[in-house]
N, C-alpha and C. Protein backbone atom coordinates (compact mmCIF):
# COMPACT_ATOMS: atom_id res chain seq x y z
N MET A 1 0.65 -1.28 -0.04
CA MET A 1 0.17 -0.02 -0.06
C MET A 1 1.16 1.41 0.01
N ILE A 2 1.84 0.95 0.72
CA ILE A 2 2.99 2.19 0.88
C ILE A 2 3.79 2.54 -0.39
N ASP A 3 4.08 3.61 -1.02
CA ASP A 3 5.06 4.10 -2.07
C ASP A 3 4.41 3.15 -3.27
N GLN A 4 3.16 3.14 -3.59
CA GLN A 4 2.26 2.70 -4.47
C GLN A 4 1.34 3.74 -5.18
N LEU A 5 1.16 3.90 -6.33
CA LEU A 5 0.26 4.65 -6.91
C LEU A 5 -0.88 3.85 -7.30
N TRP A 6 -2.32 4.21 -6.48
CA TRP A 6 -3.58 3.60 -6.65
C TRP A 6 -4.37 4.58 -7.66
N THR A 7 -5.03 3.88 -8.35
CA THR A 7 -6.26 4.57 -9.30
C THR A 7 -7.42 4.17 -8.88
N VAL A 8 -8.38 5.10 -8.48
CA VAL A 8 -9.91 5.18 -7.40
C VAL A 8 -10.67 4.73 -8.93
N THR A 9 -11.52 3.60 -8.57
CA THR A 9 -12.64 2.96 -9.39
C THR A 9 -14.01 3.42 -8.99
N SER A 10 -14.07 3.29 -7.63
CA SER A 10 -15.52 3.77 -7.23
C SER A 10 -15.39 4.37 -6.15
N ILE A 11 -16.53 5.32 -5.66
CA ILE A 11 -16.63 5.95 -4.67
C ILE A 11 -18.17 5.67 -4.02
N GLY A 12 -18.15 5.22 -2.94
CA GLY A 12 -19.51 4.73 -2.29
C GLY A 12 -20.47 4.02 -3.17
N GLY A 13 -19.47 2.84 -3.98
CA GLY A 13 -20.18 2.13 -4.72
C GLY A 13 -20.38 2.40 -6.26
N ARG A 14 -20.27 3.87 -6.39
CA ARG A 14 -20.46 4.46 -7.76
C ARG A 14 -19.20 4.21 -8.64
N PRO A 15 -19.23 4.00 -9.84
CA PRO A 15 -17.93 3.94 -10.55
C PRO A 15 -17.60 5.62 -10.94
N VAL A 16 -16.20 5.75 -10.73
CA VAL A 16 -15.89 7.23 -11.08
C VAL A 16 -16.04 7.58 -12.58
N THR A 17 -16.17 8.83 -12.96
CA THR A 17 -16.44 9.47 -14.17
C THR A 17 -15.37 10.42 -14.50
N GLY A 18 -15.13 10.76 -15.83
CA GLY A 18 -14.35 11.91 -16.06
C GLY A 18 -13.32 11.39 -16.91
N THR A 19 -12.18 12.15 -17.39
CA THR A 19 -10.96 11.73 -18.15
C THR A 19 -9.94 11.75 -17.34
N ARG A 20 -10.14 12.47 -16.38
CA ARG A 20 -8.68 12.52 -15.67
C ARG A 20 -8.85 11.53 -14.46
N PRO A 21 -8.14 10.62 -14.13
CA PRO A 21 -7.99 9.48 -13.17
C PRO A 21 -7.89 10.22 -11.69
N LEU A 22 -8.49 9.55 -10.97
CA LEU A 22 -8.58 9.79 -9.76
C LEU A 22 -7.48 9.04 -8.86
N THR A 23 -6.46 9.62 -8.42
CA THR A 23 -5.38 8.65 -7.73
C THR A 23 -5.01 9.16 -6.26
N LEU A 24 -4.47 8.16 -5.84
CA LEU A 24 -4.20 8.22 -4.31
C LEU A 24 -2.67 7.67 -4.22
N SER A 25 -1.71 8.00 -3.50
CA SER A 25 -0.50 7.26 -3.25
C SER A 25 -0.10 7.74 -1.58
N ILE A 26 0.41 6.89 -0.96
CA ILE A 26 0.84 7.33 0.43
C ILE A 26 2.31 6.93 0.58
N ALA A 27 3.31 7.93 0.99
CA ALA A 27 4.80 8.05 1.11
C ALA A 27 5.01 6.92 2.18
N ALA A 28 6.19 6.79 2.49
CA ALA A 28 6.81 5.99 3.54
C ALA A 28 6.54 6.84 4.68
N ASP A 29 6.63 8.44 4.63
CA ASP A 29 6.65 9.08 5.70
C ASP A 29 4.97 9.28 6.10
N HIS A 30 4.00 8.75 5.38
CA HIS A 30 2.69 8.80 5.81
C HIS A 30 1.99 10.08 5.00
N ARG A 31 2.90 10.81 4.23
CA ARG A 31 2.38 11.86 3.39
C ARG A 31 1.38 11.13 2.22
N ALA A 32 0.31 11.79 2.07
CA ALA A 32 -0.71 11.13 1.05
C ALA A 32 -1.14 12.23 0.22
N GLY A 33 -1.35 11.84 -1.05
CA GLY A 33 -2.17 12.81 -2.24
C GLY A 33 -2.56 12.03 -3.33
N GLY A 34 -2.76 12.99 -4.22
CA GLY A 34 -3.08 12.56 -5.54
C GLY A 34 -3.90 13.43 -6.23
N SER A 35 -4.77 12.86 -7.32
CA SER A 35 -5.75 13.88 -7.90
C SER A 35 -6.90 13.46 -7.49
N ALA A 36 -7.67 14.43 -7.36
CA ALA A 36 -9.07 14.11 -6.87
C ALA A 36 -10.23 14.33 -8.05
N GLY A 37 -9.46 14.29 -9.14
CA GLY A 37 -10.50 14.15 -10.82
C GLY A 37 -10.21 15.76 -11.38
N CYS A 38 -10.21 16.66 -10.66
CA CYS A 38 -9.93 18.12 -11.09
C CYS A 38 -8.72 18.90 -10.60
N ASN A 39 -8.86 18.72 -9.16
CA ASN A 39 -7.57 19.35 -8.46
C ASN A 39 -6.73 18.27 -7.64
N ASN A 40 -5.47 18.75 -7.34
CA ASN A 40 -4.68 17.74 -6.50
C ASN A 40 -4.91 17.88 -5.13
N PHE A 41 -4.84 16.79 -4.51
CA PHE A 41 -5.03 17.25 -2.92
C PHE A 41 -3.68 16.41 -2.16
N PHE A 42 -3.56 16.88 -0.92
CA PHE A 42 -2.89 16.26 0.10
C PHE A 42 -3.10 16.33 1.27
N THR A 43 -2.88 15.30 2.05
CA THR A 43 -2.94 14.99 3.45
C THR A 43 -2.22 14.16 4.07
N GLU A 44 -2.38 13.56 5.34
CA GLU A 44 -1.38 12.74 6.02
C GLU A 44 -2.26 11.44 6.49
N ALA A 45 -1.64 10.34 6.50
CA ALA A 45 -2.19 9.14 6.56
C ALA A 45 -1.88 8.63 7.98
N THR A 46 -2.69 8.08 8.80
CA THR A 46 -2.40 7.19 9.88
C THR A 46 -2.54 5.92 9.75
N ILE A 47 -1.62 5.00 9.84
CA ILE A 47 -1.83 3.62 9.67
C ILE A 47 -1.38 2.71 10.75
N ASP A 48 -2.31 1.78 11.48
CA ASP A 48 -2.00 1.13 12.62
C ASP A 48 -2.86 -0.23 12.32
N ASP A 49 -2.07 -1.38 12.13
CA ASP A 49 -2.54 -2.59 11.75
C ASP A 49 -3.66 -2.31 10.72
N SER A 50 -4.72 -2.78 10.66
CA SER A 50 -5.84 -2.66 9.70
C SER A 50 -6.59 -1.29 9.62
N LYS A 51 -6.17 -0.47 10.57
CA LYS A 51 -6.68 0.98 10.55
C LYS A 51 -6.04 1.92 9.98
N LEU A 52 -6.78 2.63 9.09
CA LEU A 52 -6.49 3.88 8.34
C LEU A 52 -7.12 5.02 8.55
N HIS A 53 -6.55 6.08 8.89
CA HIS A 53 -7.27 7.52 8.94
C HIS A 53 -6.28 8.29 8.21
N PHE A 54 -7.11 9.47 7.37
CA PHE A 54 -6.51 10.48 6.89
C PHE A 54 -6.89 11.79 7.46
N GLY A 55 -5.96 12.74 7.65
CA GLY A 55 -6.19 14.04 8.11
C GLY A 55 -7.04 14.73 7.32
N PRO A 56 -7.31 15.79 7.61
CA PRO A 56 -7.75 16.98 6.54
C PRO A 56 -7.24 17.13 5.36
N ALA A 57 -7.90 17.09 4.23
CA ALA A 57 -7.24 17.15 2.97
C ALA A 57 -7.29 18.48 2.46
N ALA A 58 -5.95 19.10 1.86
CA ALA A 58 -6.17 20.59 1.28
C ALA A 58 -5.91 20.21 -0.02
N ALA A 59 -6.77 21.15 -1.13
CA ALA A 59 -6.55 20.98 -2.49
C ALA A 59 -6.30 22.18 -3.14
N THR A 60 -5.70 22.13 -4.39
CA THR A 60 -5.71 23.26 -5.28
C THR A 60 -7.08 23.57 -5.49
N ARG A 61 -7.37 24.79 -6.43
CA ARG A 61 -8.44 25.27 -6.43
C ARG A 61 -8.80 25.81 -7.92
N MET A 62 -8.99 24.60 -8.75
CA MET A 62 -8.79 24.79 -10.08
C MET A 62 -10.31 24.66 -10.35
N ALA A 63 -11.31 25.36 -11.43
CA ALA A 63 -12.37 25.58 -11.64
C ALA A 63 -12.77 23.95 -12.37
N CYS A 64 -13.87 23.37 -12.49
CA CYS A 64 -14.07 21.99 -13.25
C CYS A 64 -15.51 21.80 -13.40
N ALA A 65 -15.93 20.88 -14.49
CA ALA A 65 -17.35 21.06 -14.75
C ALA A 65 -18.04 20.42 -13.07
N THR A 66 -19.25 20.92 -13.37
CA THR A 66 -20.18 20.58 -12.01
C THR A 66 -20.10 19.12 -11.51
N ALA A 67 -20.25 18.39 -12.51
CA ALA A 67 -20.26 16.85 -12.03
C ALA A 67 -18.83 16.25 -11.71
N ILE A 68 -17.74 16.78 -12.07
CA ILE A 68 -16.58 16.39 -11.66
C ILE A 68 -16.40 17.08 -10.13
N ALA A 69 -16.59 18.17 -10.19
CA ALA A 69 -16.81 18.80 -8.86
C ALA A 69 -17.32 17.95 -7.94
N ASP A 70 -18.48 17.68 -8.34
CA ASP A 70 -19.33 16.91 -7.16
C ASP A 70 -18.69 15.70 -6.88
N GLN A 71 -18.16 14.95 -7.72
CA GLN A 71 -17.47 13.82 -7.54
C GLN A 71 -16.20 13.81 -6.48
N GLU A 72 -15.44 14.97 -7.04
CA GLU A 72 -14.35 15.38 -6.17
C GLU A 72 -14.78 15.88 -4.55
N THR A 73 -15.78 16.10 -4.49
CA THR A 73 -16.31 16.53 -3.16
C THR A 73 -16.60 15.33 -2.40
N ALA A 74 -17.57 14.45 -3.22
CA ALA A 74 -17.49 13.06 -2.66
C ALA A 74 -16.42 12.11 -2.32
N PHE A 75 -15.50 12.20 -3.30
CA PHE A 75 -14.09 11.59 -2.79
C PHE A 75 -13.53 12.18 -1.76
N LEU A 76 -13.33 13.47 -1.54
CA LEU A 76 -12.74 13.87 -0.52
C LEU A 76 -13.35 13.70 0.88
N ALA A 77 -14.62 13.53 0.85
CA ALA A 77 -15.52 13.47 2.03
C ALA A 77 -15.30 12.03 2.58
N ALA A 78 -15.20 10.99 1.40
CA ALA A 78 -15.10 9.49 1.66
C ALA A 78 -13.68 9.44 2.23
N LEU A 79 -12.91 10.09 1.72
CA LEU A 79 -11.25 9.83 2.46
C LEU A 79 -11.33 10.21 3.81
N ALA A 80 -11.78 11.25 4.18
CA ALA A 80 -12.14 11.75 5.50
C ALA A 80 -12.78 11.00 6.18
N ALA A 81 -13.72 10.07 5.83
CA ALA A 81 -14.41 9.26 6.84
C ALA A 81 -13.50 7.85 7.01
N VAL A 82 -12.62 7.74 6.07
CA VAL A 82 -11.72 6.35 6.11
C VAL A 82 -11.53 5.73 7.56
N GLY A 83 -11.70 4.43 7.82
CA GLY A 83 -11.31 4.11 9.17
C GLY A 83 -10.50 2.76 9.09
N GLY A 84 -10.46 2.19 7.90
CA GLY A 84 -9.82 0.96 7.94
C GLY A 84 -9.76 0.59 6.22
N TYR A 85 -8.87 -0.43 5.76
CA TYR A 85 -8.71 -0.66 4.61
C TYR A 85 -8.88 -2.34 4.59
N GLU A 86 -8.92 -2.83 3.30
CA GLU A 86 -8.68 -4.25 2.69
C GLU A 86 -7.56 -4.28 1.60
N LEU A 87 -6.58 -4.97 1.71
CA LEU A 87 -5.89 -4.88 0.77
C LEU A 87 -5.42 -6.38 -0.02
N ASP A 88 -5.26 -6.46 -1.31
CA ASP A 88 -4.85 -7.92 -1.83
C ASP A 88 -3.60 -7.40 -2.87
N SER A 89 -3.65 -8.25 -3.70
CA SER A 89 -2.32 -7.91 -4.73
C SER A 89 -2.47 -6.81 -5.86
N THR A 90 -3.91 -6.70 -6.01
CA THR A 90 -4.19 -5.85 -7.23
C THR A 90 -5.03 -4.72 -6.70
N SER A 91 -5.86 -4.70 -5.57
CA SER A 91 -6.82 -3.85 -5.08
C SER A 91 -6.80 -3.35 -3.91
N LEU A 92 -7.18 -2.21 -3.44
CA LEU A 92 -7.10 -1.76 -2.25
C LEU A 92 -8.75 -1.01 -1.87
N ARG A 93 -9.32 -1.48 -0.78
CA ARG A 93 -10.51 -1.00 -0.48
C ARG A 93 -10.49 -0.13 0.69
N LEU A 94 -10.75 1.01 0.74
CA LEU A 94 -11.00 2.14 2.02
C LEU A 94 -12.20 2.23 2.47
N LEU A 95 -12.29 1.65 3.92
CA LEU A 95 -13.58 1.30 4.50
C LEU A 95 -13.82 2.46 5.90
N ASP A 96 -15.17 2.49 5.94
CA ASP A 96 -15.21 3.28 7.11
C ASP A 96 -15.37 2.66 8.58
N ALA A 97 -15.50 3.02 9.72
CA ALA A 97 -15.21 2.50 10.89
C ALA A 97 -16.09 1.10 11.01
N ALA A 98 -17.02 0.96 10.34
CA ALA A 98 -17.90 -0.19 10.56
C ALA A 98 -17.81 -1.29 9.49
N GLY A 99 -16.58 -0.97 8.58
CA GLY A 99 -16.15 -1.81 7.38
C GLY A 99 -17.05 -1.71 6.30
N ILE A 100 -17.59 -0.70 6.05
CA ILE A 100 -18.31 -0.27 4.83
C ILE A 100 -17.64 0.16 3.78
N PRO A 101 -17.26 -0.33 2.50
CA PRO A 101 -16.35 0.11 1.58
C PRO A 101 -17.02 1.45 1.17
N LEU A 102 -15.91 2.59 1.17
CA LEU A 102 -16.24 3.81 0.81
C LEU A 102 -15.44 4.18 -0.48
N ILE A 103 -14.41 3.65 -0.98
CA ILE A 103 -13.49 3.99 -2.14
C ILE A 103 -12.94 2.76 -2.43
N GLY A 104 -13.10 2.31 -3.68
CA GLY A 104 -12.14 1.01 -4.39
C GLY A 104 -11.17 1.73 -5.24
N LEU A 105 -9.98 1.03 -5.00
CA LEU A 105 -8.94 1.36 -5.79
C LEU A 105 -8.06 0.36 -6.42
N ILE A 106 -7.41 0.29 -7.45
CA ILE A 106 -6.63 -0.65 -8.18
C ILE A 106 -5.13 -0.09 -8.36
N ARG A 107 -4.17 -1.05 -8.39
CA ARG A 107 -2.81 -0.70 -8.57
C ARG A 107 -2.88 -0.06 -10.05
N ALA A 108 -2.26 1.26 -10.09
CA ALA A 108 -1.87 2.05 -11.33
C ALA A 108 -0.95 1.30 -12.17
N ALA A 109 -0.99 1.06 -13.67
CA ALA A 109 0.01 0.61 -14.28
C ALA A 109 1.20 1.55 -14.36
N GLU A 110 2.25 0.83 -14.20
CA GLU A 110 3.47 1.83 -14.16
C GLU A 110 4.03 2.02 -15.55
């Protein structure tokens, strides 16, 4: 999960839309960030066993189409609600504290 680029495939069970991929990466020092679809974002991750939390995200402020802006808002809100994760060889699911999937991701092609 660390030092890997992930591409978001779904938010709240809905497939992502738009032409710019939504991405997430978490560095070894727990700095996290990526593309939220229109704007770039950055935050800090706290990882403890199967628990994962993100601090408040900061983002650039570029204008984008309403549908993409709405998806970006949903993505950043879901990221703030993450409490855990499930990881396998090709996918990562970010879960809320009750274990409900919030964000689906796959390993980005290198």
